[in-house]
PDB file of all heavy atoms in Angstrom:
ATOM      1  N   MET A   1     114.919 111.922  96.245  1.00  0.00           N
ATOM      2  CA  MET A   1     113.536 111.658  96.591  1.00  0.00           C
ATOM      3  C   MET A   1     112.715 112.866  96.193  1.00  0.00           C
ATOM      4  O   MET A   1     112.997 113.987  96.634  1.00  0.00           O
ATOM      5  CB  MET A   1     113.370 111.346  98.087  1.00  0.00           C
ATOM      6  CG  MET A   1     111.940 111.107  98.526  1.00  0.00           C
ATOM      7  SD  MET A   1     111.814 110.652 100.266  1.00  0.00           S
ATOM      8  CE  MET A   1     112.377 108.948 100.199  1.00  0.00           C
ATOM      9  N   THR A   2     111.669 112.658  95.401  1.00  0.00           N
ATOM     10  CA  THR A   2     110.818 113.754  94.964  1.00  0.00           C
ATOM     11  C   THR A   2     109.840 114.142  96.088  1.00  0.00           C
ATOM     12  O   THR A   2     109.695 113.422  97.060  1.00  0.00           O
ATOM     13  CB  THR A   2     110.038 113.400  93.712  1.00  0.00           C
ATOM     14  OG1 THR A   2     109.093 112.389  94.059  1.00  0.00           O
ATOM     15  CG2 THR A   2     110.953 112.875  92.612  1.00  0.00           C
ATOM     16  N   ASN A   3     109.118 115.239  95.897  1.00  0.00           N
ATOM     17  CA  ASN A   3     108.173 115.657  96.928  1.00  0.00           C
ATOM     18  C   ASN A   3     106.987 114.700  96.996  1.00  0.00           C
ATOM     19  O   ASN A   3     106.251 114.719  97.999  1.00  0.00           O
ATOM     20  CB  ASN A   3     107.738 117.098  96.746  1.00  0.00           C
ATOM     21  CG  ASN A   3     106.921 117.326  95.493  1.00  0.00           C
ATOM     22  OD1 ASN A   3     106.747 116.419  94.695  1.00  0.00           O
ATOM     23  ND2 ASN A   3     106.441 118.519  95.331  1.00  0.00           N
ATOM     24  N   SER A   4     106.792 113.869  96.001  1.00  0.00           N
ATOM     25  CA  SER A   4     105.738 112.862  96.053  1.00  0.00           C
ATOM     26  C   SER A   4     106.211 111.567  96.675  1.00  0.00           C
ATOM     27  O   SER A   4     105.424 110.621  96.829  1.00  0.00           O
ATOM     28  CB  SER A   4     105.171 112.589  94.655  1.00  0.00           C
ATOM     29  OG  SER A   4     106.179 112.035  93.839  1.00  0.00           O
ATOM     30  N   GLY A   5     107.507 111.487  96.984  1.00  0.00           N
ATOM     31  CA  GLY A   5     108.039 110.283  97.628  1.00  0.00           C
ATOM     32  C   GLY A   5     108.743 109.297  96.722  1.00  0.00           C
ATOM     33  O   GLY A   5     109.266 108.296  97.204  1.00  0.00           O
ATOM     34  N   ALA A   6     108.717 109.543  95.443  1.00  0.00           N
ATOM     35  CA  ALA A   6     109.454 108.667  94.510  1.00  0.00           C
ATOM     36  C   ALA A   6     110.945 108.826  94.748  1.00  0.00           C
ATOM     37  O   ALA A   6     111.428 109.918  95.068  1.00  0.00           O
ATOM     38  CB  ALA A   6     109.081 108.989  93.085  1.00  0.00           C
ATOM     39  N   SER A   7     111.690 107.741  94.569  1.00  0.00           N
ATOM     40  CA  SER A   7     113.132 107.785  94.789  1.00  0.00           C
ATOM     41  C   SER A   7     113.854 106.940  93.753  1.00  0.00           C
ATOM     42  O   SER A   7     113.268 106.054  93.146  1.00  0.00           O
ATOM     43  CB  SER A   7     113.480 107.319  96.209  1.00  0.00           C
ATOM     44  OG  SER A   7     113.086 105.985  96.406  1.00  0.00           O
ATOM     45  N   ASP A   8     115.123 107.229  93.604  1.00  0.00           N
ATOM     46  CA  ASP A   8     115.954 106.415  92.716  1.00  0.00           C
ATOM     47  C   ASP A   8     117.403 106.593  93.145  1.00  0.00           C
ATOM     48  O   ASP A   8     117.739 107.491  93.929  1.00  0.00           O
ATOM     49  CB  ASP A   8     115.783 106.794  91.279  1.00  0.00           C
ATOM     50  CG  ASP A   8     116.148 105.651  90.330  1.00  0.00           C
ATOM     51  OD1 ASP A   8     116.576 104.564  90.827  1.00  0.00           O
ATOM     52  OD2 ASP A   8     116.010 105.810  89.107  1.00  0.00           O
ATOM     53  N   TYR A   9     118.254 105.702  92.606  1.00  0.00           N
ATOM     54  CA  TYR A   9     119.635 105.641  93.079  1.00  0.00           C
ATOM     55  C   TYR A   9     120.613 105.474  91.918  1.00  0.00           C
ATOM     56  O   TYR A   9     120.286 104.942  90.855  1.00  0.00           O
ATOM     57  CB  TYR A   9     119.807 104.414  94.012  1.00  0.00           C
ATOM     58  CG  TYR A   9     118.920 104.457  95.214  1.00  0.00           C
ATOM     59  CD1 TYR A   9     117.600 103.990  95.190  1.00  0.00           C
ATOM     60  CD2 TYR A   9     119.379 105.012  96.412  1.00  0.00           C
ATOM     61  CE1 TYR A   9     116.793 104.070  96.311  1.00  0.00           C
ATOM     62  CE2 TYR A   9     118.583 105.085  97.536  1.00  0.00           C
ATOM     63  CZ  TYR A   9     117.268 104.607  97.462  1.00  0.00           C
ATOM     64  OH  TYR A   9     116.472 104.695  98.576  1.00  0.00           O
ATOM     65  N   LEU A  10     121.819 105.892  92.180  1.00  0.00           N
ATOM     66  CA  LEU A  10     122.958 105.577  91.312  1.00  0.00           C
ATOM     67  C   LEU A  10     123.047 104.046  91.235  1.00  0.00           C
ATOM     68  O   LEU A  10     122.899 103.382  92.268  1.00  0.00           O
ATOM     69  CB  LEU A  10     124.216 106.185  91.899  1.00  0.00           C
ATOM     70  CG  LEU A  10     125.531 106.007  91.162  1.00  0.00           C
ATOM     71  CD1 LEU A  10     125.514 106.800  89.861  1.00  0.00           C
ATOM     72  CD2 LEU A  10     126.677 106.463  92.071  1.00  0.00           C
ATOM     73  N   ALA A  11     123.304 103.510  90.049  1.00  0.00           N
ATOM     74  CA  ALA A  11     123.282 102.061  89.883  1.00  0.00           C
ATOM     75  C   ALA A  11     124.237 101.337  90.863  1.00  0.00           C
ATOM     76  O   ALA A  11     123.908 100.282  91.402  1.00  0.00           O
ATOM     77  CB  ALA A  11     123.629 101.713  88.443  1.00  0.00           C
ATOM     78  N   SER A  12     125.391 101.923  91.092  1.00  0.00           N
ATOM     79  CA  SER A  12     126.397 101.243  91.910  1.00  0.00           C
ATOM     80  C   SER A  12     126.047 101.189  93.399  1.00  0.00           C
ATOM     81  O   SER A  12     126.664 100.459  94.151  1.00  0.00           O
ATOM     82  CB  SER A  12     127.760 101.919  91.736  1.00  0.00           C
ATOM     83  OG  SER A  12     127.729 103.259  92.175  1.00  0.00           O
ATOM     84  N   VAL A  13     125.017 101.961  93.818  1.00  0.00           N
ATOM     85  CA  VAL A  13     124.643 101.959  95.228  1.00  0.00           C
ATOM     86  C   VAL A  13     123.249 101.351  95.445  1.00  0.00           C
ATOM     87  O   VAL A  13     122.856 101.137  96.594  1.00  0.00           O
ATOM     88  CB  VAL A  13     124.686 103.362  95.865  1.00  0.00           C
ATOM     89  CG1 VAL A  13     126.015 104.038  95.599  1.00  0.00           C
ATOM     90  CG2 VAL A  13     123.532 104.233  95.406  1.00  0.00           C
ATOM     91  N   ARG A  14     122.553 101.081  94.362  1.00  0.00           N
ATOM     92  CA  ARG A  14     121.196 100.548  94.497  1.00  0.00           C
ATOM     93  C   ARG A  14     121.248  99.217  95.222  1.00  0.00           C
ATOM     94  O   ARG A  14     122.044  98.348  94.916  1.00  0.00           O
ATOM     95  CB  ARG A  14     120.570 100.377  93.109  1.00  0.00           C
ATOM     96  CG  ARG A  14     119.073 100.108  93.146  1.00  0.00           C
ATOM     97  CD  ARG A  14     118.492 100.116  91.743  1.00  0.00           C
ATOM     98  NE  ARG A  14     118.448 101.456  91.170  1.00  0.00           N
ATOM     99  CZ  ARG A  14     119.043 101.810  90.009  1.00  0.00           C
ATOM    100  NH1 ARG A  14     119.723 100.910  89.334  1.00  0.00           N
ATOM    101  NH2 ARG A  14     118.967 103.027  89.556  1.00  0.00           N
ATOM    102  N   GLY A  15     120.355  99.071  96.222  1.00  0.00           N
ATOM    103  CA  GLY A  15     120.350  97.883  97.017  1.00  0.00           C
ATOM    104  C   GLY A  15     121.223  97.958  98.262  1.00  0.00           C
ATOM    105  O   GLY A  15     121.109  97.126  99.170  1.00  0.00           O
ATOM    106  N   ARG A  16     122.101  98.953  98.308  1.00  0.00           N
ATOM    107  CA  ARG A  16     123.000  99.124  99.475  1.00  0.00           C
ATOM    108  C   ARG A  16     122.672 100.414 100.249  1.00  0.00           C
ATOM    109  O   ARG A  16     122.825 100.452 101.448  1.00  0.00           O
ATOM    110  CB  ARG A  16     124.458  99.188  99.030  1.00  0.00           C
ATOM    111  CG  ARG A  16     124.934  97.927  98.327  1.00  0.00           C
ATOM    112  CD  ARG A  16     126.452  97.967  98.109  1.00  0.00           C
ATOM    113  NE  ARG A  16     126.887  99.051  97.229  1.00  0.00           N
ATOM    114  CZ  ARG A  16     127.732 100.005  97.571  1.00  0.00           C
ATOM    115  NH1 ARG A  16     128.281 100.023  98.810  1.00  0.00           N
ATOM    116  NH2 ARG A  16     128.087 100.940  96.690  1.00  0.00           N
ATOM    117  N   PHE A  17     122.230 101.439  99.528  1.00  0.00           N
ATOM    118  CA  PHE A  17     121.905 102.722 100.165  1.00  0.00           C
ATOM    119  C   PHE A  17     120.396 102.925 100.179  1.00  0.00           C
ATOM    120  O   PHE A  17     119.687 102.415  99.270  1.00  0.00           O
ATOM    121  CB  PHE A  17     122.553 103.882  99.409  1.00  0.00           C
ATOM    122  CG  PHE A  17     124.048 103.952  99.465  1.00  0.00           C
ATOM    123  CD1 PHE A  17     124.810 102.956 100.054  1.00  0.00           C
ATOM    124  CD2 PHE A  17     124.722 105.039  98.892  1.00  0.00           C
ATOM    125  CE1 PHE A  17     126.195 103.031 100.116  1.00  0.00           C
ATOM    126  CE2 PHE A  17     126.092 105.135  98.959  1.00  0.00           C
ATOM    127  CZ  PHE A  17     126.831 104.138  99.542  1.00  0.00           C
ATOM    128  N   ALA A  18     119.913 103.680 101.127  1.00  0.00           N
ATOM    129  CA  ALA A  18     118.485 103.976 101.191  1.00  0.00           C
ATOM    130  C   ALA A  18     118.274 105.422 101.631  1.00  0.00           C
ATOM    131  O   ALA A  18     118.808 105.849 102.664  1.00  0.00           O
ATOM    132  CB  ALA A  18     117.781 103.040 102.156  1.00  0.00           C
ATOM    133  N   ILE A  19     117.489 106.147 100.849  1.00  0.00           N
ATOM    134  CA  ILE A  19     117.196 107.556 101.171  1.00  0.00           C
ATOM    135  C   ILE A  19     115.829 107.589 101.858  1.00  0.00           C
ATOM    136  O   ILE A  19     114.908 106.840 101.507  1.00  0.00           O
ATOM    137  CB  ILE A  19     117.199 108.416  99.878  1.00  0.00           C
ATOM    138  CG1 ILE A  19     117.101 109.892 100.216  1.00  0.00           C
ATOM    139  CG2 ILE A  19     116.118 107.978  98.907  1.00  0.00           C
ATOM    140  CD1 ILE A  19     117.331 110.822  99.022  1.00  0.00           C
ATOM    141  N   SER A  20     115.717 108.485 102.828  1.00  0.00           N
ATOM    142  CA  SER A  20     114.433 108.659 103.521  1.00  0.00           C
ATOM    143  C   SER A  20     114.377 110.061 104.076  1.00  0.00           C
ATOM    144  O   SER A  20     115.399 110.780 104.092  1.00  0.00           O
ATOM    145  CB  SER A  20     114.276 107.648 104.646  1.00  0.00           C
ATOM    146  OG  SER A  20     115.294 107.807 105.622  1.00  0.00           O
ATOM    147  N   ARG A  21     113.226 110.474 104.502  1.00  0.00           N
ATOM    148  CA  ARG A  21     113.096 111.800 105.109  1.00  0.00           C
ATOM    149  C   ARG A  21     112.073 111.777 106.205  1.00  0.00           C
ATOM    150  O   ARG A  21     111.151 110.944 106.191  1.00  0.00           O
ATOM    151  CB  ARG A  21     112.737 112.870 104.064  1.00  0.00           C
ATOM    152  CG  ARG A  21     111.348 112.799 103.487  1.00  0.00           C
ATOM    153  CD  ARG A  21     111.109 114.001 102.578  1.00  0.00           C
ATOM    154  NE  ARG A  21     109.741 114.080 102.166  1.00  0.00           N
ATOM    155  CZ  ARG A  21     109.304 113.898 100.942  1.00  0.00           C
ATOM    156  NH1 ARG A  21     110.188 113.576  99.986  1.00  0.00           N
ATOM    157  NH2 ARG A  21     108.057 114.009 100.624  1.00  0.00           N
ATOM    158  N   ASP A  22     112.287 112.642 107.187  1.00  0.00           N
ATOM    159  CA  ASP A  22     111.368 112.830 108.319  1.00  0.00           C
ATOM    160  C   ASP A  22     110.841 114.242 108.196  1.00  0.00           C
ATOM    161  O   ASP A  22     111.552 115.213 108.511  1.00  0.00           O
ATOM    162  CB  ASP A  22     112.107 112.589 109.622  1.00  0.00           C
ATOM    163  CG  ASP A  22     111.172 112.649 110.832  1.00  0.00           C
ATOM    164  OD1 ASP A  22     110.173 113.413 110.804  1.00  0.00           O
ATOM    165  OD2 ASP A  22     111.469 111.966 111.829  1.00  0.00           O
ATOM    166  N   ASN A  23     109.616 114.380 107.738  1.00  0.00           N
ATOM    167  CA  ASN A  23     109.055 115.718 107.507  1.00  0.00           C
ATOM    168  C   ASN A  23     108.884 116.493 108.813  1.00  0.00           C
ATOM    169  O   ASN A  23     109.082 117.705 108.832  1.00  0.00           O
ATOM    170  CB  ASN A  23     107.711 115.615 106.806  1.00  0.00           C
ATOM    171  CG  ASN A  23     107.858 115.101 105.395  1.00  0.00           C
ATOM    172  OD1 ASN A  23     108.881 115.333 104.714  1.00  0.00           O
ATOM    173  ND2 ASN A  23     106.847 114.369 104.894  1.00  0.00           N
ATOM    174  N   ALA A  24     108.572 115.803 109.873  1.00  0.00           N
ATOM    175  CA  ALA A  24     108.390 116.471 111.168  1.00  0.00           C
ATOM    176  C   ALA A  24     109.691 117.076 111.663  1.00  0.00           C
ATOM    177  O   ALA A  24     109.689 118.121 112.322  1.00  0.00           O
ATOM    178  CB  ALA A  24     107.833 115.486 112.183  1.00  0.00           C
ATOM    179  N   LYS A  25     110.793 116.441 111.349  1.00  0.00           N
ATOM    180  CA  LYS A  25     112.107 116.914 111.803  1.00  0.00           C
ATOM    181  C   LYS A  25     112.818 117.730 110.736  1.00  0.00           C
ATOM    182  O   LYS A  25     113.936 118.186 110.949  1.00  0.00           O
ATOM    183  CB  LYS A  25     112.976 115.736 112.237  1.00  0.00           C
ATOM    184  CG  LYS A  25     112.462 115.018 113.458  1.00  0.00           C
ATOM    185  CD  LYS A  25     113.406 113.900 113.857  1.00  0.00           C
ATOM    186  CE  LYS A  25     112.896 113.172 115.107  1.00  0.00           C
ATOM    187  NZ  LYS A  25     113.827 112.072 115.499  1.00  0.00           N
ATOM    188  N   ASN A  26     112.207 117.849 109.544  1.00  0.00           N
ATOM    189  CA  ASN A  26     112.864 118.523 108.406  1.00  0.00           C
ATOM    190  C   ASN A  26     114.262 117.979 108.175  1.00  0.00           C
ATOM    191  O   ASN A  26     115.246 118.717 108.036  1.00  0.00           O
ATOM    192  CB  ASN A  26     112.949 120.039 108.656  1.00  0.00           C
ATOM    193  CG  ASN A  26     111.594 120.699 108.558  1.00  0.00           C
ATOM    194  OD1 ASN A  26     110.715 120.256 107.811  1.00  0.00           O
ATOM    195  ND2 ASN A  26     111.412 121.761 109.303  1.00  0.00           N
ATOM    196  N   THR A  27     114.351 116.670 108.164  1.00  0.00           N
ATOM    197  CA  THR A  27     115.640 116.009 108.025  1.00  0.00           C
ATOM    198  C   THR A  27     115.605 114.965 106.922  1.00  0.00           C
ATOM    199  O   THR A  27     114.630 114.196 106.829  1.00  0.00           O
ATOM    200  CB  THR A  27     116.069 115.347 109.357  1.00  0.00           C
ATOM    201  OG1 THR A  27     116.139 116.353 110.363  1.00  0.00           O
ATOM    202  CG2 THR A  27     117.436 114.691 109.242  1.00  0.00           C
ATOM    203  N   LEU A  28     116.641 114.945 106.142  1.00  0.00           N
ATOM    204  CA  LEU A  28     116.837 113.953 105.069  1.00  0.00           C
ATOM    205  C   LEU A  28     117.906 112.990 105.544  1.00  0.00           C
ATOM    206  O   LEU A  28     118.892 113.406 106.184  1.00  0.00           O
ATOM    207  CB  LEU A  28     117.276 114.646 103.777  1.00  0.00           C
ATOM    208  CG  LEU A  28     117.513 113.792 102.572  1.00  0.00           C
ATOM    209  CD1 LEU A  28     116.192 113.217 102.028  1.00  0.00           C
ATOM    210  CD2 LEU A  28     118.226 114.601 101.486  1.00  0.00           C
ATOM    211  N   TYR A  29     117.752 111.713 105.217  1.00  0.00           N
ATOM    212  CA  TYR A  29     118.717 110.701 105.644  1.00  0.00           C
ATOM    213  C   TYR A  29     119.232 109.912 104.434  1.00  0.00           C
ATOM    214  O   TYR A  29     118.570 109.813 103.406  1.00  0.00           O
ATOM    215  CB  TYR A  29     118.068 109.712 106.623  1.00  0.00           C
ATOM    216  CG  TYR A  29     117.514 110.328 107.870  1.00  0.00           C
ATOM    217  CD1 TYR A  29     116.149 110.614 107.995  1.00  0.00           C
ATOM    218  CD2 TYR A  29     118.367 110.643 108.931  1.00  0.00           C
ATOM    219  CE1 TYR A  29     115.655 111.180 109.160  1.00  0.00           C
ATOM    220  CE2 TYR A  29     117.868 111.226 110.080  1.00  0.00           C
ATOM    221  CZ  TYR A  29     116.510 111.491 110.195  1.00  0.00           C
ATOM    222  OH  TYR A  29     116.015 112.064 111.340  1.00  0.00           O
ATOM    223  N   LEU A  30     120.393 109.366 104.608  1.00  0.00           N
ATOM    224  CA  LEU A  30     120.927 108.385 103.651  1.00  0.00           C
ATOM    225  C   LEU A  30     121.583 107.269 104.464  1.00  0.00           C
ATOM    226  O   LEU A  30     122.590 107.512 105.127  1.00  0.00           O
ATOM    227  CB  LEU A  30     121.923 109.003 102.698  1.00  0.00           C
ATOM    228  CG  LEU A  30     122.380 108.082 101.570  1.00  0.00           C
ATOM    229  CD1 LEU A  30     121.229 107.783 100.610  1.00  0.00           C
ATOM    230  CD2 LEU A  30     123.569 108.692 100.808  1.00  0.00           C
ATOM    231  N   GLN A  31     120.979 106.105 104.405  1.00  0.00           N
ATOM    232  CA  GLN A  31     121.537 104.920 105.062  1.00  0.00           C
ATOM    233  C   GLN A  31     122.495 104.245 104.091  1.00  0.00           C
ATOM    234  O   GLN A  31     122.123 103.912 102.973  1.00  0.00           O
ATOM    235  CB  GLN A  31     120.425 103.941 105.452  1.00  0.00           C
ATOM    236  CG  GLN A  31     120.903 102.678 106.112  1.00  0.00           C
ATOM    237  CD  GLN A  31     121.459 102.890 107.503  1.00  0.00           C
ATOM    238  OE1 GLN A  31     120.972 103.694 108.275  1.00  0.00           O
ATOM    239  NE2 GLN A  31     122.561 102.204 107.802  1.00  0.00           N
ATOM    240  N   LEU A  32     123.745 104.070 104.552  1.00  0.00           N
ATOM    241  CA  LEU A  32     124.766 103.462 103.712  1.00  0.00           C
ATOM    242  C   LEU A  32     125.150 102.121 104.299  1.00  0.00           C
ATOM    243  O   LEU A  32     125.638 102.053 105.426  1.00  0.00           O
ATOM    244  CB  LEU A  32     126.026 104.347 103.673  1.00  0.00           C
ATOM    245  CG  LEU A  32     126.020 105.678 102.894  1.00  0.00           C
ATOM    246  CD1 LEU A  32     125.062 106.663 103.514  1.00  0.00           C
ATOM    247  CD2 LEU A  32     127.398 106.243 102.841  1.00  0.00           C
ATOM    248  N   ASN A  33     124.893 101.052 103.566  1.00  0.00           N
ATOM    249  CA  ASN A  33     125.205  99.692 104.035  1.00  0.00           C
ATOM    250  C   ASN A  33     126.203  99.036 103.059  1.00  0.00           C
ATOM    251  O   ASN A  33     126.367  99.502 101.908  1.00  0.00           O
ATOM    252  CB  ASN A  33     123.934  98.834 104.099  1.00  0.00           C
ATOM    253  CG  ASN A  33     122.930  99.352 105.098  1.00  0.00           C
ATOM    254  OD1 ASN A  33     123.287  99.873 106.159  1.00  0.00           O
ATOM    255  ND2 ASN A  33     121.655  99.225 104.766  1.00  0.00           N
ATOM    256  N   SER A  34     126.833  98.001 103.555  1.00  0.00           N
ATOM    257  CA  SER A  34     127.783  97.235 102.719  1.00  0.00           C
ATOM    258  C   SER A  34     128.764  98.153 102.019  1.00  0.00           C
ATOM    259  O   SER A  34     128.996  98.049 100.804  1.00  0.00           O
ATOM    260  CB  SER A  34     127.016  96.375 101.682  1.00  0.00           C
ATOM    261  OG  SER A  34     126.120  95.505 102.318  1.00  0.00           O
ATOM    262  N   LEU A  35     129.345  99.057 102.774  1.00  0.00           N
ATOM    263  CA  LEU A  35     130.223 100.072 102.191  1.00  0.00           C
ATOM    264  C   LEU A  35     131.476  99.462 101.590  1.00  0.00           C
ATOM    265  O   LEU A  35     132.022  98.478 102.088  1.00  0.00           O
ATOM    266  CB  LEU A  35     130.572 101.122 103.256  1.00  0.00           C
ATOM    267  CG  LEU A  35     129.453 102.117 103.515  1.00  0.00           C
ATOM    268  CD1 LEU A  35     129.636 102.804 104.850  1.00  0.00           C
ATOM    269  CD2 LEU A  35     129.389 103.143 102.394  1.00  0.00           C
ATOM    270  N   ARG A  36     131.901 100.102 100.521  1.00  0.00           N
ATOM    271  CA  ARG A  36     133.087  99.694  99.767  1.00  0.00           C
ATOM    272  C   ARG A  36     134.075 100.858  99.718  1.00  0.00           C
ATOM    273  O   ARG A  36     133.696 102.009  99.915  1.00  0.00           O
ATOM    274  CB  ARG A  36     132.694  99.302  98.323  1.00  0.00           C
ATOM    275  CG  ARG A  36     131.602  98.284  98.231  1.00  0.00           C
ATOM    276  CD  ARG A  36     131.068  98.192  96.822  1.00  0.00           C
ATOM    277  NE  ARG A  36     129.978  97.207  96.692  1.00  0.00           N
ATOM    278  CZ  ARG A  36     129.203  97.107  95.606  1.00  0.00           C
ATOM    279  NH1 ARG A  36     129.404  97.912  94.565  1.00  0.00           N
ATOM    280  NH2 ARG A  36     128.272  96.179  95.574  1.00  0.00           N
ATOM    281  N   SER A  37     135.309 100.531  99.431  1.00  0.00           N
ATOM    282  CA  SER A  37     136.321 101.600  99.378  1.00  0.00           C
ATOM    283  C   SER A  37     135.959 102.646  98.328  1.00  0.00           C
ATOM    284  O   SER A  37     136.247 103.833  98.537  1.00  0.00           O
ATOM    285  CB  SER A  37     137.696 100.992  99.054  1.00  0.00           C
ATOM    286  OG  SER A  37     137.668 100.282  97.823  1.00  0.00           O
ATOM    287  N   GLU A  38     135.306 102.257  97.274  1.00  0.00           N
ATOM    288  CA  GLU A  38     134.934 103.209  96.235  1.00  0.00           C
ATOM    289  C   GLU A  38     133.797 104.128  96.618  1.00  0.00           C
ATOM    290  O   GLU A  38     133.461 105.040  95.865  1.00  0.00           O
ATOM    291  CB  GLU A  38     134.593 102.476  94.907  1.00  0.00           C
ATOM    292  CG  GLU A  38     133.513 101.428  95.036  1.00  0.00           C
ATOM    293  CD  GLU A  38     134.066 100.025  95.185  1.00  0.00           C
ATOM    294  OE1 GLU A  38     135.089  99.848  95.872  1.00  0.00           O
ATOM    295  OE2 GLU A  38     133.460  99.071  94.628  1.00  0.00           O
ATOM    296  N   ASP A  39     133.217 103.898  97.786  1.00  0.00           N
ATOM    297  CA  ASP A  39     132.191 104.822  98.309  1.00  0.00           C
ATOM    298  C   ASP A  39     132.827 106.011  99.035  1.00  0.00           C
ATOM    299  O   ASP A  39     132.112 106.936  99.452  1.00  0.00           O
ATOM    300  CB  ASP A  39     131.246 104.091  99.256  1.00  0.00           C
ATOM    301  CG  ASP A  39     130.443 102.999  98.552  1.00  0.00           C
ATOM    302  OD1 ASP A  39     129.972 103.245  97.421  1.00  0.00           O
ATOM    303  OD2 ASP A  39     130.300 101.919  99.155  1.00  0.00           O
TER     304      ASP A  39
END
């Protein structure tokens, strides 16, 4: 995720993972859904 908020993903995780950040908490997140063994 860039400082302007643009984001992108590895093709194999697009649609399953989501990146986000909380500026107030200085924390970056990665939500991982529909996990596979190859993750």
